[in-house]
Amino acid sequence: MHDLLELLGPARAAPTAALSTQVTPRTIGRWLASGKLVRLHPGWVTVPALADDWTVRAFAATGYAGGPLSHMSALAVHGVVDHEVTRLDVTVGGDCRVRTSRWLRVHRSPAHPLW
């Protein structure tokens, strides 16, 4: 029996590629099918109880996109905005192929502002 939170690490979200070094891809597929894991972004998972946790989703979003939080999300991290930010914003290079989804807004920049 595996402790899923331990496998996910301290951020409580992980890429499936990293999990597959500890368990088989078939096991990950079974956990997703049974609801023990949920997909946050393509290739990123967490446990259902943490799927709505903003910090877990933010970690997965930046890992998936390969870029930093930006716009309202960056302001929320620093406590500048006082309202709840539900959709995450990340900025990536202009040639990056990650996609915007319901809970993730991908902004493209021709310059790489922070990396």
PDB file of N, CA and C in Angstrom:
ATOM      1  N   MET A   1       0.850  -1.177   0.000  1.00  0.00           N
ATOM      2  CA  MET A   1       0.000   0.000   0.000  1.00  0.00           C
ATOM      3  C   MET A   1       0.896   1.241   0.000  1.00  0.00           C
ATOM      4  N   HIS A   2       0.602   2.180  -0.866  1.00  0.00           N
ATOM      5  CA  HIS A   2       1.395   3.393  -0.989  1.00  0.00           C
ATOM      6  C   HIS A   2       0.724   4.562  -0.272  1.00  0.00           C
ATOM      7  N   ASP A   3       1.528   5.402   0.335  1.00  0.00           N
ATOM      8  CA  ASP A   3       1.039   6.648   0.913  1.00  0.00           C
ATOM      9  C   ASP A   3       1.104   7.693  -0.197  1.00  0.00           C
ATOM     10  N   LEU A   4      -0.050   8.058  -0.755  1.00  0.00           N
ATOM     11  CA  LEU A   4      -0.071   8.955  -1.902  1.00  0.00           C
ATOM     12  C   LEU A   4       0.518  10.321  -1.588  1.00  0.00           C
ATOM     13  N   LEU A   5       0.235  10.844  -0.408  1.00  0.00           N
ATOM     14  CA  LEU A   5       0.786  12.159  -0.058  1.00  0.00           C
ATOM     15  C   LEU A   5       2.309  12.120   0.016  1.00  0.00           C
ATOM     16  N   GLU A   6       2.847  11.032   0.507  1.00  0.00           N
ATOM     17  CA  GLU A   6       4.298  10.891   0.547  1.00  0.00           C
ATOM     18  C   GLU A   6       4.874  10.812  -0.868  1.00  0.00           C
ATOM     19  N   LEU A   7       4.198  10.082  -1.744  1.00  0.00           N
ATOM     20  CA  LEU A   7       4.660   9.984  -3.128  1.00  0.00           C
ATOM     21  C   LEU A   7       4.597  11.331  -3.841  1.00  0.00           C
ATOM     22  N   LEU A   8       3.601  12.150  -3.512  1.00  0.00           N
ATOM     23  CA  LEU A   8       3.445  13.446  -4.167  1.00  0.00           C
ATOM     24  C   LEU A   8       4.489  14.459  -3.696  1.00  0.00           C
ATOM     25  N   GLY A   9       5.055  14.240  -2.539  1.00  0.00           N
ATOM     26  CA  GLY A   9       6.083  15.144  -2.039  1.00  0.00           C
ATOM     27  C   GLY A   9       5.510  16.330  -1.289  1.00  0.00           C
ATOM     28  N   PRO A  10       6.369  17.240  -0.856  1.00  0.00           N
ATOM     29  CA  PRO A  10       5.924  18.343  -0.004  1.00  0.00           C
ATOM     30  C   PRO A  10       4.975  19.320  -0.701  1.00  0.00           C
ATOM     31  N   ALA A  11       5.016  19.416  -2.012  1.00  0.00           N
ATOM     32  CA  ALA A  11       4.111  20.326  -2.716  1.00  0.00           C
ATOM     33  C   ALA A  11       2.710  19.739  -2.866  1.00  0.00           C
ATOM     34  N   ARG A  12       2.573  18.452  -2.599  1.00  0.00           N
ATOM     35  CA  ARG A  12       1.299  17.730  -2.660  1.00  0.00           C
ATOM     36  C   ARG A  12       0.716  17.634  -4.058  1.00  0.00           C
ATOM     37  N   ALA A  13       1.533  17.903  -5.074  1.00  0.00           N
ATOM     38  CA  ALA A  13       1.181  17.691  -6.475  1.00  0.00           C
ATOM     39  C   ALA A  13       2.462  17.241  -7.163  1.00  0.00           C
ATOM     40  N   ALA A  14       2.317  16.425  -8.196  1.00  0.00           N
ATOM     41  CA  ALA A  14       3.514  15.919  -8.861  1.00  0.00           C
ATOM     42  C   ALA A  14       3.208  15.599 -10.318  1.00  0.00           C
ATOM     43  N   PRO A  15       4.236  15.669 -11.145  1.00  0.00           N
ATOM     44  CA  PRO A  15       4.044  15.208 -12.522  1.00  0.00           C
ATOM     45  C   PRO A  15       3.967  13.684 -12.546  1.00  0.00           C
ATOM     46  N   THR A  16       3.134  13.167 -13.417  1.00  0.00           N
ATOM     47  CA  THR A  16       3.007  11.710 -13.494  1.00  0.00           C
ATOM     48  C   THR A  16       4.327  11.068 -13.896  1.00  0.00           C
ATOM     49  N   ALA A  17       5.153  11.788 -14.646  1.00  0.00           N
ATOM     50  CA  ALA A  17       6.465  11.239 -15.033  1.00  0.00           C
ATOM     51  C   ALA A  17       7.320  10.982 -13.800  1.00  0.00           C
ATOM     52  N   ALA A  18       7.263  11.866 -12.819  1.00  0.00           N
ATOM     53  CA  ALA A  18       8.035  11.671 -11.594  1.00  0.00           C
ATOM     54  C   ALA A  18       7.450  10.525 -10.768  1.00  0.00           C
ATOM     55  N   LEU A  19       6.130  10.426 -10.726  1.00  0.00           N
ATOM     56  CA  LEU A  19       5.504   9.321  -9.986  1.00  0.00           C
ATOM     57  C   LEU A  19       5.851   7.975 -10.606  1.00  0.00           C
ATOM     58  N   SER A  20       5.983   7.963 -11.927  1.00  0.00           N
ATOM     59  CA  SER A  20       6.246   6.682 -12.592  1.00  0.00           C
ATOM     60  C   SER A  20       7.650   6.148 -12.322  1.00  0.00           C
ATOM     61  N   THR A  21       8.490   6.924 -11.650  1.00  0.00           N
ATOM     62  CA  THR A  21       9.777   6.384 -11.206  1.00  0.00           C
ATOM     63  C   THR A  21       9.622   5.607  -9.901  1.00  0.00           C
ATOM     64  N   GLN A  22       8.464   5.773  -9.247  1.00  0.00           N
ATOM     65  CA  GLN A  22       8.221   5.100  -7.967  1.00  0.00           C
ATOM     66  C   GLN A  22       7.173   4.002  -8.059  1.00  0.00           C
ATOM     67  N   VAL A  23       6.226   4.171  -8.980  1.00  0.00           N
ATOM     68  CA  VAL A  23       5.194   3.156  -9.218  1.00  0.00           C
ATOM     69  C   VAL A  23       5.021   3.029 -10.729  1.00  0.00           C
ATOM     70  N   THR A  24       4.345   1.999 -11.160  1.00  0.00           N
ATOM     71  CA  THR A  24       4.177   1.792 -12.599  1.00  0.00           C
ATOM     72  C   THR A  24       3.139   2.769 -13.167  1.00  0.00           C
ATOM     73  N   PRO A  25       3.263   3.109 -14.436  1.00  0.00           N
ATOM     74  CA  PRO A  25       2.236   3.946 -15.075  1.00  0.00           C
ATOM     75  C   PRO A  25       0.843   3.312 -14.990  1.00  0.00           C
ATOM     76  N   ARG A  26       0.791   2.003 -15.007  1.00  0.00           N
ATOM     77  CA  ARG A  26      -0.500   1.318 -14.871  1.00  0.00           C
ATOM     78  C   ARG A  26      -1.134   1.603 -13.508  1.00  0.00           C
ATOM     79  N   THR A  27      -0.303   1.637 -12.464  1.00  0.00           N
ATOM     80  CA  THR A  27      -0.810   1.956 -11.127  1.00  0.00           C
ATOM     81  C   THR A  27      -1.353   3.377 -11.094  1.00  0.00           C
ATOM     82  N   ILE A  28      -0.634   4.302 -11.689  1.00  0.00           N
ATOM     83  CA  ILE A  28      -1.103   5.697 -11.745  1.00  0.00           C
ATOM     84  C   ILE A  28      -2.443   5.760 -12.478  1.00  0.00           C
ATOM     85  N   GLY A  29      -2.553   5.033 -13.577  1.00  0.00           N
ATOM     86  CA  GLY A  29      -3.814   4.988 -14.319  1.00  0.00           C
ATOM     87  C   GLY A  29      -4.963   4.442 -13.486  1.00  0.00           C
ATOM     88  N   ARG A  30      -4.684   3.414 -12.694  1.00  0.00           N
ATOM     89  CA  ARG A  30      -5.722   2.853 -11.810  1.00  0.00           C
ATOM     90  C   ARG A  30      -6.139   3.855 -10.752  1.00  0.00           C
ATOM     91  N   TRP A  31      -5.153   4.581 -10.173  1.00  0.00           N
ATOM     92  CA  TRP A  31      -5.476   5.585  -9.158  1.00  0.00           C
ATOM     93  C   TRP A  31      -6.315   6.716  -9.745  1.00  0.00           C
ATOM     94  N   LEU A  32      -6.014   7.112 -10.974  1.00  0.00           N
ATOM     95  CA  LEU A  32      -6.817   8.145 -11.631  1.00  0.00           C
ATOM     96  C   LEU A  32      -8.226   7.626 -11.913  1.00  0.00           C
ATOM     97  N   ALA A  33      -8.328   6.411 -12.415  1.00  0.00           N
ATOM     98  CA  ALA A  33      -9.629   5.834 -12.735  1.00  0.00           C
ATOM     99  C   ALA A  33     -10.497   5.638 -11.490  1.00  0.00           C
ATOM    100  N   SER A  34      -9.870   5.297 -10.374  1.00  0.00           N
ATOM    101  CA  SER A  34     -10.632   5.059  -9.140  1.00  0.00           C
ATOM    102  C   SER A  34     -10.898   6.331  -8.355  1.00  0.00           C
ATOM    103  N   GLY A  35     -10.279   7.437  -8.746  1.00  0.00           N
ATOM    104  CA  GLY A  35     -10.490   8.690  -8.036  1.00  0.00           C
ATOM    105  C   GLY A  35      -9.527   8.931  -6.890  1.00  0.00           C
ATOM    106  N   LYS A  36      -8.548   8.059  -6.702  1.00  0.00           N
ATOM    107  CA  LYS A  36      -7.553   8.282  -5.643  1.00  0.00           C
ATOM    108  C   LYS A  36      -6.616   9.431  -6.007  1.00  0.00           C
ATOM    109  N   LEU A  37      -6.441   9.659  -7.304  1.00  0.00           N
ATOM    110  CA  LEU A  37      -5.698  10.817  -7.813  1.00  0.00           C
ATOM    111  C   LEU A  37      -6.598  11.557  -8.785  1.00  0.00           C
ATOM    112  N   VAL A  38      -6.392  12.869  -8.900  1.00  0.00           N
ATOM    113  CA  VAL A  38      -7.105  13.676  -9.888  1.00  0.00           C
ATOM    114  C   VAL A  38      -6.083  14.461 -10.700  1.00  0.00           C
ATOM    115  N   ARG A  39      -6.439  14.703 -11.946  1.00  0.00           N
ATOM    116  CA  ARG A  39      -5.557  15.442 -12.848  1.00  0.00           C
ATOM    117  C   ARG A  39      -5.819  16.939 -12.701  1.00  0.00           C
ATOM    118  N   LEU A  40      -4.766  17.688 -12.397  1.00  0.00           N
ATOM    119  CA  LEU A  40      -4.874  19.141 -12.292  1.00  0.00           C
ATOM    120  C   LEU A  40      -4.630  19.814 -13.639  1.00  0.00           C
ATOM    121  N   HIS A  41      -3.614  19.366 -14.320  1.00  0.00           N
ATOM    122  CA  HIS A  41      -3.212  19.836 -15.644  1.00  0.00           C
ATOM    123  C   HIS A  41      -2.648  18.616 -16.351  1.00  0.00           C
ATOM    124  N   PRO A  42      -2.483  18.665 -17.670  1.00  0.00           N
ATOM    125  CA  PRO A  42      -1.914  17.502 -18.343  1.00  0.00           C
ATOM    126  C   PRO A  42      -0.585  17.078 -17.706  1.00  0.00           C
ATOM    127  N   GLY A  43      -0.555  15.838 -17.246  1.00  0.00           N
ATOM    128  CA  GLY A  43       0.661  15.303 -16.651  1.00  0.00           C
ATOM    129  C   GLY A  43       0.880  15.661 -15.194  1.00  0.00           C
ATOM    130  N   TRP A  44      -0.042  16.349 -14.547  1.00  0.00           N
ATOM    131  CA  TRP A  44       0.101  16.746 -13.138  1.00  0.00           C
ATOM    132  C   TRP A  44      -1.097  16.265 -12.342  1.00  0.00           C
ATOM    133  N   VAL A  45      -0.827  15.647 -11.180  1.00  0.00           N
ATOM    134  CA  VAL A  45      -1.885  15.059 -10.361  1.00  0.00           C
ATOM    135  C   VAL A  45      -1.733  15.446  -8.890  1.00  0.00           C
ATOM    136  N   THR A  46      -2.829  15.258  -8.165  1.00  0.00           N
ATOM    137  CA  THR A  46      -2.848  15.399  -6.712  1.00  0.00           C
ATOM    138  C   THR A  46      -3.961  14.508  -6.180  1.00  0.00           C
ATOM    139  N   VAL A  47      -4.154  14.521  -4.874  1.00  0.00           N
ATOM    140  CA  VAL A  47      -5.260  13.778  -4.270  1.00  0.00           C
ATOM    141  C   VAL A  47      -6.509  14.648  -4.317  1.00  0.00           C
ATOM    142  N   PRO A  48      -7.701  14.058  -4.371  1.00  0.00           N
ATOM    143  CA  PRO A  48      -8.936  14.837  -4.491  1.00  0.00           C
ATOM    144  C   PRO A  48      -9.125  15.882  -3.392  1.00  0.00           C
ATOM    145  N   ALA A  49      -8.724  15.566  -2.176  1.00  0.00           N
ATOM    146  CA  ALA A  49      -8.920  16.499  -1.064  1.00  0.00           C
ATOM    147  C   ALA A  49      -8.136  17.798  -1.241  1.00  0.00           C
ATOM    148  N   LEU A  50      -7.081  17.774  -2.064  1.00  0.00           N
ATOM    149  CA  LEU A  50      -6.249  18.964  -2.256  1.00  0.00           C
ATOM    150  C   LEU A  50      -6.426  19.613  -3.619  1.00  0.00           C
ATOM    151  N   ALA A  51      -7.343  19.106  -4.417  1.00  0.00           N
ATOM    152  CA  ALA A  51      -7.521  19.622  -5.777  1.00  0.00           C
ATOM    153  C   ALA A  51      -7.960  21.084  -5.796  1.00  0.00           C
ATOM    154  N   ASP A  52      -8.606  21.562  -4.766  1.00  0.00           N
ATOM    155  CA  ASP A  52      -9.044  22.958  -4.711  1.00  0.00           C
ATOM    156  C   ASP A  52      -8.093  23.852  -3.924  1.00  0.00           C
ATOM    157  N   ASP A  53      -7.030  23.289  -3.384  1.00  0.00           N
ATOM    158  CA  ASP A  53      -6.057  24.078  -2.622  1.00  0.00           C
ATOM    159  C   ASP A  53      -5.268  24.964  -3.593  1.00  0.00           C
ATOM    160  N   TRP A  54      -5.303  26.276  -3.373  1.00  0.00           N
ATOM    161  CA  TRP A  54      -4.706  27.230  -4.296  1.00  0.00           C
ATOM    162  C   TRP A  54      -3.203  27.010  -4.449  1.00  0.00           C
ATOM    163  N   THR A  55      -2.504  26.746  -3.364  1.00  0.00           N
ATOM    164  CA  THR A  55      -1.053  26.581  -3.462  1.00  0.00           C
ATOM    165  C   THR A  55      -0.679  25.300  -4.208  1.00  0.00           C
ATOM    166  N   VAL A  56      -1.445  24.253  -4.032  1.00  0.00           N
ATOM    167  CA  VAL A  56      -1.200  23.002  -4.756  1.00  0.00           C
ATOM    168  C   VAL A  56      -1.443  23.221  -6.248  1.00  0.00           C
ATOM    169  N   ARG A  57      -2.561  23.884  -6.575  1.00  0.00           N
ATOM    170  CA  ARG A  57      -2.856  24.160  -7.981  1.00  0.00           C
ATOM    171  C   ARG A  57      -1.821  25.091  -8.601  1.00  0.00           C
ATOM    172  N   ALA A  58      -1.339  26.076  -7.825  1.00  0.00           N
ATOM    173  CA  ALA A  58      -0.330  27.006  -8.345  1.00  0.00           C
ATOM    174  C   ALA A  58       0.977  26.284  -8.628  1.00  0.00           C
ATOM    175  N   PHE A  59       1.388  25.404  -7.743  1.00  0.00           N
ATOM    176  CA  PHE A  59       2.613  24.630  -7.965  1.00  0.00           C
ATOM    177  C   PHE A  59       2.484  23.794  -9.236  1.00  0.00           C
ATOM    178  N   ALA A  60       1.352  23.118  -9.393  1.00  0.00           N
ATOM    179  CA  ALA A  60       1.144  22.289 -10.577  1.00  0.00           C
ATOM    180  C   ALA A  60       1.074  23.142 -11.844  1.00  0.00           C
ATOM    181  N   ALA A  61       0.462  24.305 -11.767  1.00  0.00           N
ATOM    182  CA  ALA A  61       0.349  25.179 -12.940  1.00  0.00           C
ATOM    183  C   ALA A  61       1.708  25.664 -13.414  1.00  0.00           C
ATOM    184  N   THR A  62       2.553  26.075 -12.494  1.00  0.00           N
ATOM    185  CA  THR A  62       3.884  26.550 -12.898  1.00  0.00           C
ATOM    186  C   THR A  62       4.743  25.394 -13.387  1.00  0.00           C
ATOM    187  N   GLY A  63       4.569  24.222 -12.810  1.00  0.00           N
ATOM    188  CA  GLY A  63       5.299  23.051 -13.275  1.00  0.00           C
ATOM    189  C   GLY A  63       4.853  22.625 -14.661  1.00  0.00           C
ATOM    190  N   TYR A  64       3.559  22.631 -14.890  1.00  0.00           N
ATOM    191  CA  TYR A  64       3.012  22.259 -16.192  1.00  0.00           C
ATOM    192  C   TYR A  64       3.422  23.267 -17.268  1.00  0.00           C
ATOM    193  N   ALA A  65       3.259  24.546 -16.970  1.00  0.00           N
ATOM    194  CA  ALA A  65       3.522  25.582 -17.971  1.00  0.00           C
ATOM    195  C   ALA A  65       5.008  25.858 -18.156  1.00  0.00           C
ATOM    196  N   GLY A  66       5.778  25.651 -17.114  1.00  0.00           N
ATOM    197  CA  GLY A  66       7.198  25.966 -17.206  1.00  0.00           C
ATOM    198  C   GLY A  66       7.466  27.456 -17.123  1.00  0.00           C
ATOM    199  N   GLY A  67       6.542  28.179 -16.534  1.00  0.00           N
ATOM    200  CA  GLY A  67       6.696  29.620 -16.378  1.00  0.00           C
ATOM    201  C   GLY A  67       6.167  30.064 -15.033  1.00  0.00           C
ATOM    202  N   PRO A  68       6.456  31.296 -14.646  1.00  0.00           N
ATOM    203  CA  PRO A  68       6.051  31.785 -13.325  1.00  0.00           C
ATOM    204  C   PRO A  68       4.588  32.216 -13.279  1.00  0.00           C
ATOM    205  N   LEU A  69       4.064  32.283 -12.063  1.00  0.00           N
ATOM    206  CA  LEU A  69       2.755  32.900 -11.882  1.00  0.00           C
ATOM    207  C   LEU A  69       2.860  34.355 -12.318  1.00  0.00           C
ATOM    208  N   SER A  70       1.785  34.898 -12.842  1.00  0.00           N
ATOM    209  CA  SER A  70       1.801  36.282 -13.300  1.00  0.00           C
ATOM    210  C   SER A  70       0.428  36.911 -13.085  1.00  0.00           C
ATOM    211  N   HIS A  71       0.313  38.142 -13.452  1.00  0.00           N
ATOM    212  CA  HIS A  71      -0.926  38.898 -13.392  1.00  0.00           C
ATOM    213  C   HIS A  71      -1.537  38.815 -11.979  1.00  0.00           C
ATOM    214  N   MET A  72      -2.830  38.544 -11.889  1.00  0.00           N
ATOM    215  CA  MET A  72      -3.507  38.524 -10.590  1.00  0.00           C
ATOM    216  C   MET A  72      -2.969  37.424  -9.672  1.00  0.00           C
ATOM    217  N   SER A  73      -2.531  36.329 -10.234  1.00  0.00           N
ATOM    218  CA  SER A  73      -1.997  35.240  -9.414  1.00  0.00           C
ATOM    219  C   SER A  73      -0.731  35.668  -8.688  1.00  0.00           C
ATOM    220  N   ALA A  74       0.142  36.377  -9.384  1.00  0.00           N
ATOM    221  CA  ALA A  74       1.364  36.867  -8.747  1.00  0.00           C
ATOM    222  C   ALA A  74       1.029  37.890  -7.665  1.00  0.00           C
ATOM    223  N   LEU A  75       0.057  38.727  -7.931  1.00  0.00           N
ATOM    224  CA  LEU A  75      -0.358  39.709  -6.920  1.00  0.00           C
ATOM    225  C   LEU A  75      -0.938  39.004  -5.692  1.00  0.00           C
ATOM    226  N   ALA A  76      -1.686  37.934  -5.911  1.00  0.00           N
ATOM    227  CA  ALA A  76      -2.265  37.183  -4.796  1.00  0.00           C
ATOM    228  C   ALA A  76      -1.186  36.544  -3.935  1.00  0.00           C
ATOM    229  N   VAL A  77      -0.134  36.004  -4.565  1.00  0.00           N
ATOM    230  CA  VAL A  77       0.953  35.378  -3.819  1.00  0.00           C
ATOM    231  C   VAL A  77       1.583  36.385  -2.860  1.00  0.00           C
ATOM    232  N   HIS A  78       1.692  37.617  -3.310  1.00  0.00           N
ATOM    233  CA  HIS A  78       2.343  38.651  -2.511  1.00  0.00           C
ATOM    234  C   HIS A  78       1.375  39.440  -1.639  1.00  0.00           C
ATOM    235  N   GLY A  79       0.118  39.026  -1.606  1.00  0.00           N
ATOM    236  CA  GLY A  79      -0.860  39.663  -0.739  1.00  0.00           C
ATOM    237  C   GLY A  79      -1.299  41.049  -1.183  1.00  0.00           C
ATOM    238  N   VAL A  80      -1.113  41.366  -2.447  1.00  0.00           N
ATOM    239  CA  VAL A  80      -1.483  42.693  -2.948  1.00  0.00           C
ATOM    240  C   VAL A  80      -2.981  42.800  -3.194  1.00  0.00           C
ATOM    241  N   VAL A  81      -3.611  41.730  -3.631  1.00  0.00           N
ATOM    242  CA  VAL A  81      -5.060  41.743  -3.846  1.00  0.00           C
ATOM    243  C   VAL A  81      -5.729  41.103  -2.641  1.00  0.00           C
ATOM    244  N   ASP A  82      -6.888  41.612  -2.305  1.00  0.00           N
ATOM    245  CA  ASP A  82      -7.560  41.120  -1.101  1.00  0.00           C
ATOM    246  C   ASP A  82      -8.742  40.212  -1.412  1.00  0.00           C
ATOM    247  N   HIS A  83      -8.969  39.897  -2.665  1.00  0.00           N
ATOM    248  CA  HIS A  83     -10.051  38.977  -3.008  1.00  0.00           C
ATOM    249  C   HIS A  83      -9.467  37.642  -3.470  1.00  0.00           C
ATOM    250  N   GLU A  84     -10.287  36.630  -3.416  1.00  0.00           N
ATOM    251  CA  GLU A  84      -9.825  35.289  -3.786  1.00  0.00           C
ATOM    252  C   GLU A  84      -9.608  35.196  -5.298  1.00  0.00           C
ATOM    253  N   VAL A  85      -8.472  34.702  -5.679  1.00  0.00           N
ATOM    254  CA  VAL A  85      -8.152  34.486  -7.083  1.00  0.00           C
ATOM    255  C   VAL A  85      -8.326  32.994  -7.356  1.00  0.00           C
ATOM    256  N   THR A  86      -9.260  32.661  -8.230  1.00  0.00           N
ATOM    257  CA  THR A  86      -9.513  31.246  -8.487  1.00  0.00           C
ATOM    258  C   THR A  86      -8.765  30.754  -9.717  1.00  0.00           C
ATOM    259  N   ARG A  87      -8.804  31.528 -10.793  1.00  0.00           N
ATOM    260  CA  ARG A  87      -8.078  31.103 -11.994  1.00  0.00           C
ATOM    261  C   ARG A  87      -6.623  31.530 -11.869  1.00  0.00           C
ATOM    262  N   LEU A  88      -5.738  30.635 -12.228  1.00  0.00           N
ATOM    263  CA  LEU A  88      -4.309  30.904 -12.149  1.00  0.00           C
ATOM    264  C   LEU A  88      -3.806  31.484 -13.463  1.00  0.00           C
ATOM    265  N   ASP A  89      -2.884  32.453 -13.367  1.00  0.00           N
ATOM    266  CA  ASP A  89      -2.241  33.049 -14.530  1.00  0.00           C
ATOM    267  C   ASP A  89      -0.768  32.687 -14.503  1.00  0.00           C
ATOM    268  N   VAL A  90      -0.250  32.231 -15.641  1.00  0.00           N
ATOM    269  CA  VAL A  90       1.181  31.994 -15.798  1.00  0.00           C
ATOM    270  C   VAL A  90       1.621  32.651 -17.100  1.00  0.00           C
ATOM    271  N   THR A  91       2.877  33.062 -17.149  1.00  0.00           N
ATOM    272  CA  THR A  91       3.434  33.634 -18.370  1.00  0.00           C
ATOM    273  C   THR A  91       4.518  32.713 -18.895  1.00  0.00           C
ATOM    274  N   VAL A  92       4.455  32.450 -20.192  1.00  0.00           N
ATOM    275  CA  VAL A  92       5.420  31.569 -20.843  1.00  0.00           C
ATOM    276  C   VAL A  92       5.974  32.278 -22.071  1.00  0.00           C
ATOM    277  N   GLY A  93       7.009  31.719 -22.644  1.00  0.00           N
ATOM    278  CA  GLY A  93       7.577  32.253 -23.875  1.00  0.00           C
ATOM    279  C   GLY A  93       6.594  32.126 -25.027  1.00  0.00           C
ATOM    280  N   GLY A  94       6.786  32.932 -26.046  1.00  0.00           N
ATOM    281  CA  GLY A  94       5.879  32.941 -27.182  1.00  0.00           C
ATOM    282  C   GLY A  94       5.810  31.636 -27.939  1.00  0.00           C
ATOM    283  N   ASP A  95       6.844  30.823 -27.873  1.00  0.00           N
ATOM    284  CA  ASP A  95       6.853  29.560 -28.602  1.00  0.00           C
ATOM    285  C   ASP A  95       6.401  28.366 -27.766  1.00  0.00           C
ATOM    286  N   CYS A  96       6.001  28.602 -26.547  1.00  0.00           N
ATOM    287  CA  CYS A  96       5.560  27.521 -25.654  1.00  0.00           C
ATOM    288  C   CYS A  96       4.193  27.006 -26.098  1.00  0.00           C
ATOM    289  N   ARG A  97       3.975  25.710 -26.013  1.00  0.00           N
ATOM    290  CA  ARG A  97       2.749  25.098 -26.525  1.00  0.00           C
ATOM    291  C   ARG A  97       1.770  24.643 -25.444  1.00  0.00           C
ATOM    292  N   VAL A  98       1.876  25.147 -24.235  1.00  0.00           N
ATOM    293  CA  VAL A  98       0.884  24.790 -23.219  1.00  0.00           C
ATOM    294  C   VAL A  98      -0.400  25.558 -23.503  1.00  0.00           C
ATOM    295  N   ARG A  99      -1.517  24.997 -23.059  1.00  0.00           N
ATOM    296  CA  ARG A  99      -2.812  25.569 -23.386  1.00  0.00           C
ATOM    297  C   ARG A  99      -3.522  26.142 -22.172  1.00  0.00           C
ATOM    298  N   THR A 100      -4.315  27.163 -22.420  1.00  0.00           N
ATOM    299  CA  THR A 100      -5.210  27.719 -21.415  1.00  0.00           C
ATOM    300  C   THR A 100      -6.319  26.703 -21.173  1.00  0.00           C
ATOM    301  N   SER A 101      -6.769  26.625 -19.916  1.00  0.00           N
ATOM    302  CA  SER A 101      -7.890  25.753 -19.582  1.00  0.00           C
ATOM    303  C   SER A 101      -8.844  26.525 -18.682  1.00  0.00           C
ATOM    304  N   ARG A 102      -9.830  25.860 -18.175  1.00  0.00           N
ATOM    305  CA  ARG A 102     -10.841  26.527 -17.338  1.00  0.00           C
ATOM    306  C   ARG A 102     -10.216  27.231 -16.142  1.00  0.00           C
ATOM    307  N   TRP A 103      -9.238  26.616 -15.495  1.00  0.00           N
ATOM    308  CA  TRP A 103      -8.655  27.176 -14.278  1.00  0.00           C
ATOM    309  C   TRP A 103      -7.249  27.723 -14.473  1.00  0.00           C
ATOM    310  N   LEU A 104      -6.763  27.726 -15.713  1.00  0.00           N
ATOM    311  CA  LEU A 104      -5.412  28.196 -15.984  1.00  0.00           C
ATOM    312  C   LEU A 104      -5.416  29.096 -17.214  1.00  0.00           C
ATOM    313  N   ARG A 105      -4.952  30.314 -17.036  1.00  0.00           N
ATOM    314  CA  ARG A 105      -4.822  31.250 -18.154  1.00  0.00           C
ATOM    315  C   ARG A 105      -3.346  31.378 -18.487  1.00  0.00           C
ATOM    316  N   VAL A 106      -2.981  31.002 -19.708  1.00  0.00           N
ATOM    317  CA  VAL A 106      -1.597  31.056 -20.159  1.00  0.00           C
ATOM    318  C   VAL A 106      -1.412  32.338 -20.964  1.00  0.00           C
ATOM    319  N   HIS A 107      -0.469  33.167 -20.521  1.00  0.00           N
ATOM    320  CA  HIS A 107      -0.120  34.399 -21.233  1.00  0.00           C
ATOM    321  C   HIS A 107       1.210  34.158 -21.923  1.00  0.00           C
ATOM    322  N   ARG A 108       1.308  34.576 -23.168  1.00  0.00           N
ATOM    323  CA  ARG A 108       2.526  34.402 -23.922  1.00  0.00           C
ATOM    324  C   ARG A 108       3.270  35.724 -24.043  1.00  0.00           C
ATOM    325  N   SER A 109       4.574  35.645 -23.935  1.00  0.00           N
ATOM    326  CA  SER A 109       5.415  36.834 -24.048  1.00  0.00           C
ATOM    327  C   SER A 109       6.579  36.509 -24.987  1.00  0.00           C
ATOM    328  N   PRO A 110       6.876  37.398 -25.934  1.00  0.00           N
ATOM    329  CA  PRO A 110       8.026  37.121 -26.797  1.00  0.00           C
ATOM    330  C   PRO A 110       9.355  37.170 -26.046  1.00  0.00           C
ATOM    331  N   ALA A 111       9.374  37.942 -24.990  1.00  0.00           N
ATOM    332  CA  ALA A 111      10.567  37.994 -24.135  1.00  0.00           C
ATOM    333  C   ALA A 111      10.304  37.076 -22.945  1.00  0.00           C
ATOM    334  N   HIS A 112      11.354  36.523 -22.402  1.00  0.00           N
ATOM    335  CA  HIS A 112      11.210  35.691 -21.213  1.00  0.00           C
ATOM    336  C   HIS A 112      11.482  36.585 -20.008  1.00  0.00           C
ATOM    337  N   PRO A 113      10.434  37.157 -19.410  1.00  0.00           N
ATOM    338  CA  PRO A 113      10.626  38.212 -18.412  1.00  0.00           C
ATOM    339  C   PRO A 113      11.340  37.789 -17.138  1.00  0.00           C
ATOM    340  N   LEU A 114      11.150  36.573 -16.701  1.00  0.00           N
ATOM    341  CA  LEU A 114      11.715  36.200 -15.386  1.00  0.00           C
ATOM    342  C   LEU A 114      12.653  35.010 -15.448  1.00  0.00           C
ATOM    343  N   TRP A 115      12.984  34.531 -16.626  1.00  0.00           N
ATOM    344  CA  TRP A 115      13.854  33.370 -16.669  1.00  0.00           C
ATOM    345  C   TRP A 115      14.813  33.451 -17.808  1.00  0.00           C
TER     346      TRP A 115
END
